[in-house]
PDB file of N, CA and C in Angstrom:
ATOM      1  N   MET A   1      22.071 195.923 -73.335  1.00  0.00           N
ATOM      2  CA  MET A   1      21.616 197.400 -72.912  1.00  0.00           C
ATOM      3  C   MET A   1      21.240 197.546 -71.302  1.00  0.00           C
ATOM      4  N   CYS A   2      21.794 198.259 -70.889  1.00  0.00           N
ATOM      5  CA  CYS A   2      22.453 198.606 -69.271  1.00  0.00           C
ATOM      6  C   CYS A   2      21.132 199.855 -68.873  1.00  0.00           C
ATOM      7  N   VAL A   3      20.710 199.754 -67.687  1.00  0.00           N
ATOM      8  CA  VAL A   3      19.756 200.889 -67.345  1.00  0.00           C
ATOM      9  C   VAL A   3      20.089 202.321 -67.356  1.00  0.00           C
ATOM     10  N   CYS A   4      21.410 202.494 -67.558  1.00  0.00           N
ATOM     11  CA  CYS A   4      21.949 203.529 -67.578  1.00  0.00           C
ATOM     12  C   CYS A   4      21.719 204.033 -69.251  1.00  0.00           C
ATOM     13  N   GLU A   5      21.659 203.025 -69.963  1.00  0.00           N
ATOM     14  CA  GLU A   5      21.399 203.522 -71.718  1.00  0.00           C
ATOM     15  C   GLU A   5      19.781 203.794 -71.724  1.00  0.00           C
ATOM     16  N   GLU A   6      19.229 203.240 -71.372  1.00  0.00           N
ATOM     17  CA  GLU A   6      17.686 203.320 -71.663  1.00  0.00           C
ATOM     18  C   GLU A   6      17.544 205.297 -71.160  1.00  0.00           C
ATOM     19  N   PRO A   7      16.341 205.217 -72.198  1.00  0.00           N
ATOM     20  CA  PRO A   7      15.807 206.802 -71.866  1.00  0.00           C
ATOM     21  C   PRO A   7      15.055 207.182 -70.800  1.00  0.00           C
ATOM     22  N   GLY A   8      15.102 208.456 -70.190  1.00  0.00           N
ATOM     23  CA  GLY A   8      15.101 208.671 -69.122  1.00  0.00           C
ATOM     24  C   GLY A   8      15.480 210.066 -68.164  1.00  0.00           C
ATOM     25  N   PRO A   9      15.337 210.396 -67.379  1.00  0.00           N
ATOM     26  CA  PRO A   9      15.686 211.564 -66.866  1.00  0.00           C
ATOM     27  C   PRO A   9      17.236 211.918 -66.369  1.00  0.00           C
ATOM     28  N   PHE A  10      18.268 210.325 -66.154  1.00  0.00           N
ATOM     29  CA  PHE A  10      19.400 210.448 -65.835  1.00  0.00           C
ATOM     30  C   PHE A  10      20.130 209.622 -66.809  1.00  0.00           C
ATOM     31  N   ASN A  11      19.757 209.495 -67.976  1.00  0.00           N
ATOM     32  CA  ASN A  11      20.604 209.742 -69.150  1.00  0.00           C
ATOM     33  C   ASN A  11      21.195 210.603 -69.924  1.00  0.00           C
ATOM     34  N   CYS A  12      22.345 210.618 -69.623  1.00  0.00           N
ATOM     35  CA  CYS A  12      23.306 211.953 -70.030  1.00  0.00           C
ATOM     36  C   CYS A  12      23.671 211.586 -71.601  1.00  0.00           C
ATOM     37  N   GLY A  13      23.585 209.641 -72.320  1.00  0.00           N
ATOM     38  CA  GLY A  13      24.130 209.729 -73.543  1.00  0.00           C
ATOM     39  C   GLY A  13      25.604 209.387 -73.366  1.00  0.00           C
ATOM     40  N   LEU A  14      26.120 208.841 -71.991  1.00  0.00           N
ATOM     41  CA  LEU A  14      27.476 208.525 -71.758  1.00  0.00           C
ATOM     42  C   LEU A  14      27.302 207.318 -70.759  1.00  0.00           C
ATOM     43  N   PRO A  15      27.456 205.836 -71.458  1.00  0.00           N
ATOM     44  CA  PRO A  15      27.005 204.683 -70.724  1.00  0.00           C
ATOM     45  C   PRO A  15      27.870 204.461 -69.530  1.00  0.00           C
ATOM     46  N   GLY A  16      27.398 204.344 -68.315  1.00  0.00           N
ATOM     47  CA  GLY A  16      27.844 204.269 -67.023  1.00  0.00           C
ATOM     48  C   GLY A  16      27.924 205.174 -66.012  1.00  0.00           C
ATOM     49  N   ILE A  17      27.378 206.330 -66.699  1.00  0.00           N
ATOM     50  CA  ILE A  17      27.312 207.365 -65.958  1.00  0.00           C
ATOM     51  C   ILE A  17      25.689 207.992 -65.868  1.00  0.00           C
ATOM     52  N   LEU A  18      25.425 208.429 -64.343  1.00  0.00           N
ATOM     53  CA  LEU A  18      23.714 209.295 -64.374  1.00  0.00           C
ATOM     54  C   LEU A  18      24.029 210.351 -63.811  1.00  0.00           C
ATOM     55  N   ALA A  19      23.828 211.263 -64.625  1.00  0.00           N
ATOM     56  CA  ALA A  19      23.544 212.615 -64.263  1.00  0.00           C
ATOM     57  C   ALA A  19      22.228 213.190 -63.655  1.00  0.00           C
ATOM     58  N   GLY A  20      22.339 213.793 -62.666  1.00  0.00           N
ATOM     59  CA  GLY A  20      20.981 214.423 -61.645  1.00  0.00           C
ATOM     60  C   GLY A  20      20.205 215.654 -62.616  1.00  0.00           C
ATOM     61  N   GLN A  21      19.452 216.038 -62.515  1.00  0.00           N
ATOM     62  CA  GLN A  21      18.763 217.142 -63.030  1.00  0.00           C
ATOM     63  C   GLN A  21      19.628 218.064 -62.853  1.00  0.00           C
ATOM     64  N   LEU A  22      19.531 219.482 -63.634  1.00  0.00           N
ATOM     65  CA  LEU A  22      20.716 220.326 -63.463  1.00  0.00           C
ATOM     66  C   LEU A  22      19.747 221.269 -62.094  1.00  0.00           C
ATOM     67  N   GLN A  23      20.199 221.595 -61.066  1.00  0.00           N
ATOM     68  CA  GLN A  23      20.240 222.461 -59.737  1.00  0.00           C
ATOM     69  C   GLN A  23      20.244 223.825 -60.231  1.00  0.00           C
ATOM     70  N   ARG A  24      19.700 224.631 -59.039  1.00  0.00           N
ATOM     71  CA  ARG A  24      19.337 225.827 -59.114  1.00  0.00           C
ATOM     72  C   ARG A  24      20.908 226.812 -59.228  1.00  0.00           C
ATOM     73  N   ASN A  25      21.608 226.167 -58.567  1.00  0.00           N
ATOM     74  CA  ASN A  25      23.039 226.661 -58.617  1.00  0.00           C
ATOM     75  C   ASN A  25      23.786 226.165 -59.534  1.00  0.00           C
ATOM     76  N   GLY A  26      23.139 225.466 -61.060  1.00  0.00           N
ATOM     77  CA  GLY A  26      24.576 225.297 -62.054  1.00  0.00           C
ATOM     78  C   GLY A  26      25.128 224.397 -61.986  1.00  0.00           C
ATOM     79  N   TYR A  27      25.289 223.768 -60.843  1.00  0.00           N
ATOM     80  CA  TYR A  27      25.714 221.729 -60.873  1.00  0.00           C
ATOM     81  C   TYR A  27      24.267 220.589 -61.038  1.00  0.00           C
ATOM     82  N   ARG A  28      25.289 219.563 -61.569  1.00  0.00           N
ATOM     83  CA  ARG A  28      24.675 218.337 -61.240  1.00  0.00           C
ATOM     84  C   ARG A  28      24.976 217.289 -60.309  1.00  0.00           C
ATOM     85  N   TYR A  29      24.728 216.564 -59.929  1.00  0.00           N
ATOM     86  CA  TYR A  29      24.822 215.301 -59.280  1.00  0.00           C
ATOM     87  C   TYR A  29      25.221 214.275 -59.903  1.00  0.00           C
ATOM     88  N   ILE A  30      26.796 213.784 -59.646  1.00  0.00           N
ATOM     89  CA  ILE A  30      26.694 212.529 -60.915  1.00  0.00           C
ATOM     90  C   ILE A  30      26.787 211.613 -60.120  1.00  0.00           C
ATOM     91  N   GLU A  31      26.364 210.065 -60.681  1.00  0.00           N
ATOM     92  CA  GLU A  31      26.983 208.995 -60.223  1.00  0.00           C
ATOM     93  C   GLU A  31      27.249 208.039 -61.332  1.00  0.00           C
ATOM     94  N   ARG A  32      28.254 207.101 -61.011  1.00  0.00           N
ATOM     95  CA  ARG A  32      28.470 205.728 -61.657  1.00  0.00           C
ATOM     96  C   ARG A  32      27.177 205.016 -61.692  1.00  0.00           C
ATOM     97  N   CYS A  33      26.839 204.328 -62.856  1.00  0.00           N
ATOM     98  CA  CYS A  33      25.446 203.200 -62.543  1.00  0.00           C
ATOM     99  C   CYS A  33      26.206 202.203 -62.300  1.00  0.00           C
ATOM    100  N   ASP A  34      25.575 201.564 -60.756  1.00  0.00           N
ATOM    101  CA  ASP A  34      25.777 200.525 -60.304  1.00  0.00           C
ATOM    102  C   ASP A  34      25.571 199.567 -60.840  1.00  0.00           C
ATOM    103  N   THR A  35      24.791 199.389 -61.624  1.00  0.00           N
ATOM    104  CA  THR A  35      24.189 198.046 -62.566  1.00  0.00           C
ATOM    105  C   THR A  35      25.350 197.700 -63.377  1.00  0.00           C
ATOM    106  N   CYS A  36      26.123 198.257 -64.138  1.00  0.00           N
ATOM    107  CA  CYS A  36      27.401 197.817 -64.967  1.00  0.00           C
ATOM    108  C   CYS A  36      28.361 198.391 -64.490  1.00  0.00           C
ATOM    109  N   GLU A  37      28.635 198.924 -63.481  1.00  0.00           N
ATOM    110  CA  GLU A  37      30.121 199.490 -63.017  1.00  0.00           C
ATOM    111  C   GLU A  37      30.710 199.403 -63.941  1.00  0.00           C
ATOM    112  N   ARG A  38      31.061 200.453 -64.882  1.00  0.00           N
ATOM    113  CA  ARG A  38      31.789 200.808 -65.963  1.00  0.00           C
ATOM    114  C   ARG A  38      32.847 201.286 -65.266  1.00  0.00           C
ATOM    115  N   PHE A  39      32.739 202.569 -64.291  1.00  0.00           N
ATOM    116  CA  PHE A  39      33.587 202.981 -63.977  1.00  0.00           C
ATOM    117  C   PHE A  39      33.954 202.582 -61.708  1.00  0.00           C
ATOM    118  N   SER A  40      34.996 203.034 -61.957  1.00  0.00           N
ATOM    119  CA  SER A  40      35.629 202.319 -60.043  1.00  0.00           C
ATOM    120  C   SER A  40      35.035 202.813 -59.112  1.00  0.00           C
ATOM    121  N   SER A  41      34.264 204.432 -59.251  1.00  0.00           N
ATOM    122  CA  SER A  41      33.575 205.587 -58.093  1.00  0.00           C
ATOM    123  C   SER A  41      32.650 206.657 -59.056  1.00  0.00           C
ATOM    124  N   ASP A  42      32.022 207.303 -58.491  1.00  0.00           N
ATOM    125  CA  ASP A  42      31.709 208.450 -59.092  1.00  0.00           C
ATOM    126  C   ASP A  42      32.542 209.623 -59.249  1.00  0.00           C
ATOM    127  N   GLU A  43      33.579 209.579 -58.476  1.00  0.00           N
ATOM    128  CA  GLU A  43      34.497 210.598 -58.696  1.00  0.00           C
ATOM    129  C   GLU A  43      34.870 209.849 -60.074  1.00  0.00           C
ATOM    130  N   ALA A  44      35.090 209.194 -60.628  1.00  0.00           N
ATOM    131  CA  ALA A  44      36.166 208.572 -61.772  1.00  0.00           C
ATOM    132  C   ALA A  44      34.674 208.621 -63.350  1.00  0.00           C
ATOM    133  N   ALA A  45      33.668 208.398 -62.921  1.00  0.00           N
ATOM    134  CA  ALA A  45      32.601 208.445 -63.380  1.00  0.00           C
ATOM    135  C   ALA A  45      32.512 210.745 -63.943  1.00  0.00           C
ATOM    136  N   CYS A  46      32.550 211.309 -62.947  1.00  0.00           N
ATOM    137  CA  CYS A  46      32.183 212.491 -62.877  1.00  0.00           C
ATOM    138  C   CYS A  46      33.341 213.293 -63.982  1.00  0.00           C
ATOM    139  N   GLU A  47      34.877 212.493 -63.713  1.00  0.00           N
ATOM    140  CA  GLU A  47      36.152 213.095 -64.823  1.00  0.00           C
ATOM    141  C   GLU A  47      35.592 213.000 -66.219  1.00  0.00           C
ATOM    142  N   ILE A  48      35.202 211.867 -66.220  1.00  0.00           N
ATOM    143  CA  ILE A  48      34.823 211.474 -67.931  1.00  0.00           C
ATOM    144  C   ILE A  48      33.712 212.343 -68.253  1.00  0.00           C
ATOM    145  N   TYR A  49      32.786 212.793 -67.221  1.00  0.00           N
ATOM    146  CA  TYR A  49      31.725 213.453 -67.879  1.00  0.00           C
ATOM    147  C   TYR A  49      32.485 215.067 -67.740  1.00  0.00           C
ATOM    148  N   SER A  50      32.863 215.521 -66.943  1.00  0.00           N
ATOM    149  CA  SER A  50      33.260 216.641 -67.052  1.00  0.00           C
ATOM    150  C   SER A  50      34.031 216.890 -68.382  1.00  0.00           C
ATOM    151  N   LYS A  51      35.295 216.129 -68.785  1.00  0.00           N
ATOM    152  CA  LYS A  51      35.458 215.835 -70.189  1.00  0.00           C
ATOM    153  C   LYS A  51      35.180 216.127 -71.381  1.00  0.00           C
ATOM    154  N   PHE A  52      33.438 215.814 -71.478  1.00  0.00           N
ATOM    155  CA  PHE A  52      33.194 215.377 -72.118  1.00  0.00           C
ATOM    156  C   PHE A  52      32.010 216.435 -72.439  1.00  0.00           C
ATOM    157  N   MET A  53      31.659 217.188 -71.372  1.00  0.00           N
ATOM    158  CA  MET A  53      30.667 218.130 -71.154  1.00  0.00           C
ATOM    159  C   MET A  53      31.378 219.795 -70.727  1.00  0.00           C
ATOM    160  N   GLY A  54      32.264 219.682 -70.579  1.00  0.00           N
ATOM    161  CA  GLY A  54      33.382 220.523 -70.158  1.00  0.00           C
ATOM    162  C   GLY A  54      32.765 221.645 -68.919  1.00  0.00           C
ATOM    163  N   GLY A  55      33.908 221.386 -67.927  1.00  0.00           N
ATOM    164  CA  GLY A  55      33.619 221.340 -66.186  1.00  0.00           C
ATOM    165  C   GLY A  55      34.371 220.825 -65.618  1.00  0.00           C
ATOM    166  N   ARG A  56      34.276 220.733 -64.332  1.00  0.00           N
ATOM    167  CA  ARG A  56      35.331 220.198 -63.580  1.00  0.00           C
ATOM    168  C   ARG A  56      34.315 219.546 -62.182  1.00  0.00           C
ATOM    169  N   LEU A  57      35.156 218.631 -61.511  1.00  0.00           N
ATOM    170  CA  LEU A  57      34.059 217.511 -60.207  1.00  0.00           C
ATOM    171  C   LEU A  57      34.248 218.551 -59.114  1.00  0.00           C
ATOM    172  N   ARG A  58      33.392 218.301 -58.373  1.00  0.00           N
ATOM    173  CA  ARG A  58      33.275 219.172 -56.616  1.00  0.00           C
ATOM    174  C   ARG A  58      32.921 217.880 -55.894  1.00  0.00           C
ATOM    175  N   HIS A  59      32.737 218.214 -54.651  1.00  0.00           N
ATOM    176  CA  HIS A  59      32.117 217.857 -53.573  1.00  0.00           C
ATOM    177  C   HIS A  59      31.097 218.710 -52.840  1.00  0.00           C
ATOM    178  N   ASN A  60      30.205 218.505 -52.572  1.00  0.00           N
ATOM    179  CA  ASN A  60      29.336 219.718 -51.460  1.00  0.00           C
ATOM    180  C   ASN A  60      29.699 219.216 -50.098  1.00  0.00           C
ATOM    181  N   ARG A  61      28.805 219.869 -49.588  1.00  0.00           N
ATOM    182  CA  ARG A  61      29.091 219.567 -48.304  1.00  0.00           C
ATOM    183  C   ARG A  61      28.630 218.180 -47.698  1.00  0.00           C
ATOM    184  N   GLN A  62      27.726 217.568 -47.994  1.00  0.00           N
ATOM    185  CA  GLN A  62      27.746 216.397 -47.700  1.00  0.00           C
ATOM    186  C   GLN A  62      28.302 214.707 -48.221  1.00  0.00           C
ATOM    187  N   GLY A  63      29.358 215.349 -49.112  1.00  0.00           N
ATOM    188  CA  GLY A  63      30.495 214.894 -49.656  1.00  0.00           C
ATOM    189  C   GLY A  63      30.126 213.650 -50.925  1.00  0.00           C
ATOM    190  N   LYS A  64      29.173 214.079 -51.463  1.00  0.00           N
ATOM    191  CA  LYS A  64      28.513 213.812 -52.833  1.00  0.00           C
ATOM    192  C   LYS A  64      29.391 214.676 -53.997  1.00  0.00           C
ATOM    193  N   VAL A  65      29.556 213.640 -54.791  1.00  0.00           N
ATOM    194  CA  VAL A  65      29.928 213.902 -56.207  1.00  0.00           C
ATOM    195  C   VAL A  65      29.099 215.236 -56.820  1.00  0.00           C
ATOM    196  N   ILE A  66      29.305 216.920 -56.996  1.00  0.00           N
ATOM    197  CA  ILE A  66      28.860 217.351 -58.167  1.00  0.00           C
ATOM    198  C   ILE A  66      29.993 217.945 -59.711  1.00  0.00           C
ATOM    199  N   PHE A  67      28.996 218.334 -60.721  1.00  0.00           N
ATOM    200  CA  PHE A  67      29.824 218.553 -61.772  1.00  0.00           C
ATOM    201  C   PHE A  67      29.350 220.133 -61.993  1.00  0.00           C
ATOM    202  N   LEU A  68      30.587 220.731 -61.927  1.00  0.00           N
ATOM    203  CA  LEU A  68      30.225 222.378 -62.245  1.00  0.00           C
ATOM    204  C   LEU A  68      30.610 222.990 -63.489  1.00  0.00           C
ATOM    205  N   PRO A  69      29.982 223.102 -64.432  1.00  0.00           N
ATOM    206  CA  PRO A  69      29.871 223.220 -65.830  1.00  0.00           C
ATOM    207  C   PRO A  69      30.770 225.073 -65.707  1.00  0.00           C
ATOM    208  N   GLU A  70      32.297 224.720 -66.888  1.00  0.00           N
ATOM    209  CA  GLU A  70      32.684 226.126 -66.812  1.00  0.00           C
ATOM    210  C   GLU A  70      31.722 227.151 -67.515  1.00  0.00           C
TER     211      GLU A  70
END
């Protein structure tokens, strides 16, 4: 079992994806798991997360990947 699948605040239920806490504006930071590297990038991980959770991928001003729910 990879660290991304262990219980904790970043486990979103999808292997290979780490989801940050819900932010004030309704978005979440999304990152790929660098331990198992199931996805090629944070963007690829967020695309899969968006398909399951219903939303879209965006980047913040610093270039970090964020998920916006619909």
